Amino acid sequence: MNNMQIFWQGHACFQIAATPAKNSQIRIVIDPYSEDIGLKLPKLEADIVLSTHSHYDHNNVKAVQGPLTGSGQAPFVVEGPGEYEVKGVFVQGIHSWHDEKEGALRGSNTIYTIDAEELRLCHLGDFGQAELTSEQLEKIGDVDVLMVPVGGVYTIDAKGAVKIITQIEPKITIPMHYALPKLKAKLEGVDKFLKAVGVKAIEPESKLSIKKKDISEEEAKIVVLKP
């Protein structure tokens, strides 16, 4: 079985290539954004497109081509809570809140878990709760790779992200949704998050390539990806 490949396309957008069955690669895109945010979205093809909520920097699903360019086949689009199975990949959408200001919960956001190749991924979207509820945690389950926002303003910040990571206890954490040179939204940088988790410096990688057997049960890792 091939390694699963995880690419970060900036902001909260990821492309994942999985091989759930022999000679059957599936591509998944999460939270494609409008270029109005200041970043250029690369050409993306996918079998499955997930959007965590309806804001323009997370829901540009029309920009993603179907699995075979020119085939006329559109991707399978998921835009909210529920359970979905597509070509051997199991997706679960879990309701959460986008914003928690002064104790008030505002705006819906969907947390996604993705099961493929014996791995469980979790993408938190624009998560803004102070903490996960016991019901959300139960649905999220044991996570191998967590994609967590760390930039604050619209989501949890570095300190909030550390609290959520402590709740979920993933094997690998990938920070997302933070300040980038051309991004118009004024978010906090990833350095603040790395400092909060006690990491001095991490060399960003172009992709994360993993198999279940390569994941350490003892040591949790932070991986920073290049957009």
Protein backbone atom coordinates (compact mmCIF):
# COMPACT_ATOMS: atom_id res chain seq x y z
CA MET A 1 0.00 0.00 0.00
CA ASN A 2 1.28 3.48 -0.87
CA ASN A 3 1.95 6.16 1.70
CA MET A 4 -0.86 8.65 2.28
CA GLN A 5 0.20 12.11 1.04
CA ILE A 6 -1.01 15.30 2.74
CA PHE A 7 -0.36 18.67 1.09
CA TRP A 8 -1.19 22.10 2.54
CA GLN A 9 -2.39 24.67 0.00
CA GLY A 10 -2.47 27.59 2.44
CA HIS A 11 -5.04 28.87 4.96
CA ALA A 12 -7.25 25.85 5.90
CA CYS A 13 -6.99 24.12 2.51
CA PHE A 14 -5.47 20.65 2.27
CA GLN A 15 -5.24 18.06 -0.50
CA ILE A 16 -4.94 14.42 0.56
CA ALA A 17 -4.07 11.50 -1.69
CA ALA A 18 -5.06 8.11 -0.26
CA THR A 19 -5.04 4.57 -1.63
CA PRO A 20 -7.87 2.77 0.21
CA ALA A 21 -7.67 -0.20 -2.17
CA LYS A 22 -4.97 -1.56 -4.47
CA ASN A 23 -4.52 0.65 -7.58
CA SER A 24 -7.34 2.92 -6.42
CA GLN A 25 -6.08 6.36 -5.42
CA ILE A 26 -8.58 8.87 -4.05
CA ARG A 27 -7.96 12.59 -3.69
CA ILE A 28 -9.69 14.73 -1.09
CA VAL A 29 -9.69 18.54 -0.91
CA ILE A 30 -10.70 20.35 2.27
CA ASP A 31 -11.73 24.04 2.46
CA PRO A 32 -10.73 25.45 -0.95
CA TYR A 33 -10.69 29.25 -0.71
CA SER A 34 -11.60 32.18 -2.92
CA GLU A 35 -8.56 34.09 -4.18
CA ASP A 36 -10.14 37.20 -2.64
CA ILE A 37 -8.21 36.27 0.51
CA GLY A 38 -4.96 37.18 -1.27
CA LEU A 39 -3.64 33.66 -1.88
CA LYS A 40 -3.65 31.90 -5.25
CA LEU A 41 -5.40 28.54 -5.15
CA PRO A 42 -3.55 26.00 -7.31
CA LYS A 43 -5.43 23.82 -9.79
CA LEU A 44 -6.91 21.02 -7.73
CA GLU A 45 -8.64 17.78 -8.68
CA ALA A 46 -10.55 15.64 -6.20
CA ASP A 47 -12.97 12.79 -5.77
CA ILE A 48 -14.24 14.34 -2.53
CA VAL A 49 -14.45 18.01 -1.51
CA LEU A 50 -15.18 18.99 2.09
CA SER A 51 -16.21 22.50 3.17
CA THR A 52 -16.32 23.23 6.90
CA HIS A 53 -18.58 26.30 6.61
CA SER A 54 -20.00 28.80 4.15
CA HIS A 55 -17.42 31.61 4.36
CA TYR A 56 -15.69 32.48 1.07
CA ASP A 57 -12.25 31.58 2.41
CA HIS A 58 -13.40 27.97 3.00
CA ASN A 59 -16.16 27.12 0.50
CA ASN A 60 -14.87 27.65 -3.04
CA VAL A 61 -15.85 24.10 -4.03
CA LYS A 62 -16.48 25.14 -7.66
CA ALA A 63 -12.75 25.75 -8.10
CA VAL A 64 -12.02 22.03 -7.64
CA GLN A 65 -12.14 19.82 -10.74
CA GLY A 66 -13.56 16.33 -10.82
CA PRO A 67 -11.29 13.28 -10.47
CA LEU A 68 -10.54 13.11 -14.20
CA THR A 69 -10.22 16.44 -15.99
CA GLY A 70 -12.56 16.56 -18.95
CA SER A 71 -14.57 13.54 -17.79
CA GLY A 72 -17.47 15.71 -16.72
CA GLN A 73 -17.57 13.90 -13.40
CA ALA A 74 -17.94 16.30 -10.49
CA PRO A 75 -16.41 15.69 -7.06
CA PHE A 76 -18.59 14.39 -4.23
CA VAL A 77 -19.18 17.50 -2.09
CA VAL A 78 -19.81 17.45 1.67
CA GLU A 79 -20.85 20.69 3.36
CA GLY A 80 -22.03 19.73 6.82
CA PRO A 81 -22.56 17.13 9.55
CA GLY A 82 -23.36 13.52 8.72
CA GLU A 83 -21.69 10.26 7.72
CA TYR A 84 -20.50 9.60 4.17
CA GLU A 85 -18.67 6.79 2.42
CA VAL A 86 -17.06 7.36 -0.97
CA LYS A 87 -14.88 4.77 -2.72
CA GLY A 88 -13.69 3.18 0.50
CA VAL A 89 -13.11 6.46 2.36
CA PHE A 90 -15.31 7.15 5.38
CA VAL A 91 -16.04 10.80 6.22
CA GLN A 92 -17.81 12.05 9.33
CA GLY A 93 -18.97 15.65 9.76
CA ILE A 94 -19.42 16.83 13.36
CA HIS A 95 -21.22 20.06 14.26
CA SER A 96 -19.22 22.67 16.17
CA TRP A 97 -19.20 26.44 16.68
CA HIS A 98 -17.19 28.94 14.67
CA ASP A 99 -17.08 31.62 17.32
CA GLU A 100 -17.21 31.89 21.08
CA LYS A 101 -17.14 35.50 22.21
CA GLU A 102 -17.90 36.45 25.80
CA GLY A 103 -19.52 33.08 26.42
CA ALA A 104 -21.84 33.27 23.39
CA LEU A 105 -21.59 30.63 20.65
CA ARG A 106 -22.05 32.01 17.14
CA GLY A 107 -21.99 30.50 13.66
CA SER A 108 -21.76 26.85 12.67
CA ASN A 109 -18.60 25.00 11.67
CA THR A 110 -18.12 21.35 10.74
CA ILE A 111 -15.27 19.26 12.11
CA TYR A 112 -14.40 16.42 9.71
CA THR A 113 -12.84 13.06 10.45
CA ILE A 114 -11.54 11.05 7.49
CA ASP A 115 -10.81 7.32 7.72
CA ALA A 116 -8.61 5.79 5.01
CA GLU A 117 -5.63 3.40 4.92
CA GLU A 118 -6.17 2.55 8.63
CA LEU A 119 -5.48 6.21 9.46
CA ARG A 120 -7.86 8.73 11.00
CA LEU A 121 -7.43 12.38 10.09
CA CYS A 122 -9.29 15.26 11.74
CA HIS A 123 -9.71 18.76 10.26
CA LEU A 124 -11.16 21.31 12.70
CA GLY A 125 -12.08 24.00 10.15
CA ASP A 126 -12.73 27.44 11.67
CA PHE A 127 -13.13 26.02 15.15
CA GLY A 128 -13.70 28.67 17.81
CA GLN A 129 -14.96 26.91 20.94
CA ALA A 130 -12.96 27.24 24.16
CA GLU A 131 -12.99 23.45 24.39
CA LEU A 132 -14.53 20.39 22.76
CA THR A 133 -17.63 18.88 24.33
CA SER A 134 -17.57 15.27 25.53
CA GLU A 135 -19.96 14.38 22.67
CA GLN A 136 -17.65 15.96 20.06
CA LEU A 137 -14.62 14.20 21.55
CA GLU A 138 -16.38 10.84 21.47
CA LYS A 139 -17.24 11.28 17.78
CA ILE A 140 -13.72 12.47 16.91
CA GLY A 141 -12.16 9.39 18.54
CA ASP A 142 -8.49 8.40 18.23
CA VAL A 143 -6.78 10.75 15.78
CA ASP A 144 -3.56 10.05 13.89
CA VAL A 145 -3.28 13.44 12.15
CA LEU A 146 -4.94 16.64 13.39
CA MET A 147 -5.22 19.83 11.31
CA VAL A 148 -5.81 22.67 13.78
CA PRO A 149 -6.23 26.46 13.35
CA VAL A 150 -3.77 28.48 15.42
CA GLY A 151 -4.00 32.07 14.11
CA GLY A 152 -6.71 33.46 16.39
CA VAL A 153 -9.06 36.34 15.41
CA TYR A 154 -11.62 34.13 13.61
CA THR A 155 -10.70 30.87 15.35
CA ILE A 156 -8.84 29.59 18.40
CA ASP A 157 -5.38 31.06 18.89
CA ALA A 158 -2.10 29.37 19.86
CA LYS A 159 -3.10 28.94 23.50
CA GLY A 160 -6.56 27.64 22.54
CA ALA A 161 -5.04 25.22 20.03
CA VAL A 162 -2.80 23.72 22.72
CA LYS A 163 -5.88 23.09 24.88
CA ILE A 164 -7.71 21.33 22.01
CA ILE A 165 -4.63 19.25 21.15
CA THR A 166 -4.45 18.17 24.81
CA GLN A 167 -8.10 17.06 24.59
CA ILE A 168 -7.71 15.10 21.32
CA GLU A 169 -4.16 13.76 21.86
CA PRO A 170 -3.32 13.25 18.16
CA LYS A 171 -0.15 11.46 17.07
CA ILE A 172 0.69 14.22 14.56
CA THR A 173 -0.48 17.84 14.57
CA ILE A 174 -0.37 20.16 11.54
CA PRO A 175 -1.05 23.85 12.31
CA MET A 176 -3.11 25.84 9.78
CA HIS A 177 -5.07 29.07 9.38
CA TYR A 178 -2.28 31.47 10.41
CA ALA A 179 -0.52 34.52 8.97
CA LEU A 180 1.04 34.15 5.50
CA PRO A 181 2.82 36.87 3.48
CA LYS A 182 0.00 37.58 0.96
CA LEU A 183 -2.97 36.65 3.14
CA LYS A 184 -5.28 39.65 3.64
CA ALA A 185 -6.67 38.46 6.97
CA LYS A 186 -4.48 39.65 9.86
CA LEU A 187 -3.85 36.45 11.78
CA GLU A 188 -1.18 35.50 14.29
CA GLY A 189 1.91 33.70 12.98
CA VAL A 190 2.75 30.03 13.43
CA ASP A 191 5.76 30.95 15.60
CA LYS A 192 3.44 31.85 18.46
CA PHE A 193 1.93 28.36 18.33
CA LEU A 194 5.31 26.64 18.15
CA LYS A 195 6.43 28.60 21.21
CA ALA A 196 3.23 27.58 23.05
CA VAL A 197 3.94 23.88 22.42
CA GLY A 198 7.59 24.29 23.40
CA VAL A 199 9.12 23.84 19.94
CA LYS A 200 11.92 26.25 19.02
CA ALA A 201 12.15 25.69 15.28
CA ILE A 202 10.75 23.28 12.72
CA GLU A 203 11.87 23.05 9.11
CA PRO A 204 8.68 23.22 7.00
CA GLU A 205 8.06 20.21 4.77
CA SER A 206 6.52 20.19 1.28
CA LYS A 207 4.18 17.33 2.24
CA LEU A 208 3.48 14.75 4.93
CA SER A 209 3.89 11.19 3.67
CA ILE A 210 2.70 8.57 6.16
CA LYS A 211 1.66 4.99 6.75
CA LYS A 212 -0.08 3.69 9.86
CA LYS A 213 2.90 1.54 10.80
CA ASP A 214 5.22 4.57 10.75
CA ILE A 215 3.24 6.50 13.38
CA SER A 216 4.72 6.45 16.87
CA GLU A 217 2.31 5.67 19.70
CA GLU A 218 4.72 7.14 22.25
CA GLU A 219 5.77 10.47 20.79
CA ALA A 220 3.42 13.18 19.51
CA LYS A 221 4.84 15.21 16.62
CA ILE A 222 4.25 18.71 15.23
CA VAL A 223 4.63 18.99 11.44
CA VAL A 224 4.71 22.36 9.67
CA LEU A 225 3.94 22.23 5.95
CA LYS A 226 4.88 24.68 3.21
CA PRO A 227 1.89 26.20 1.37
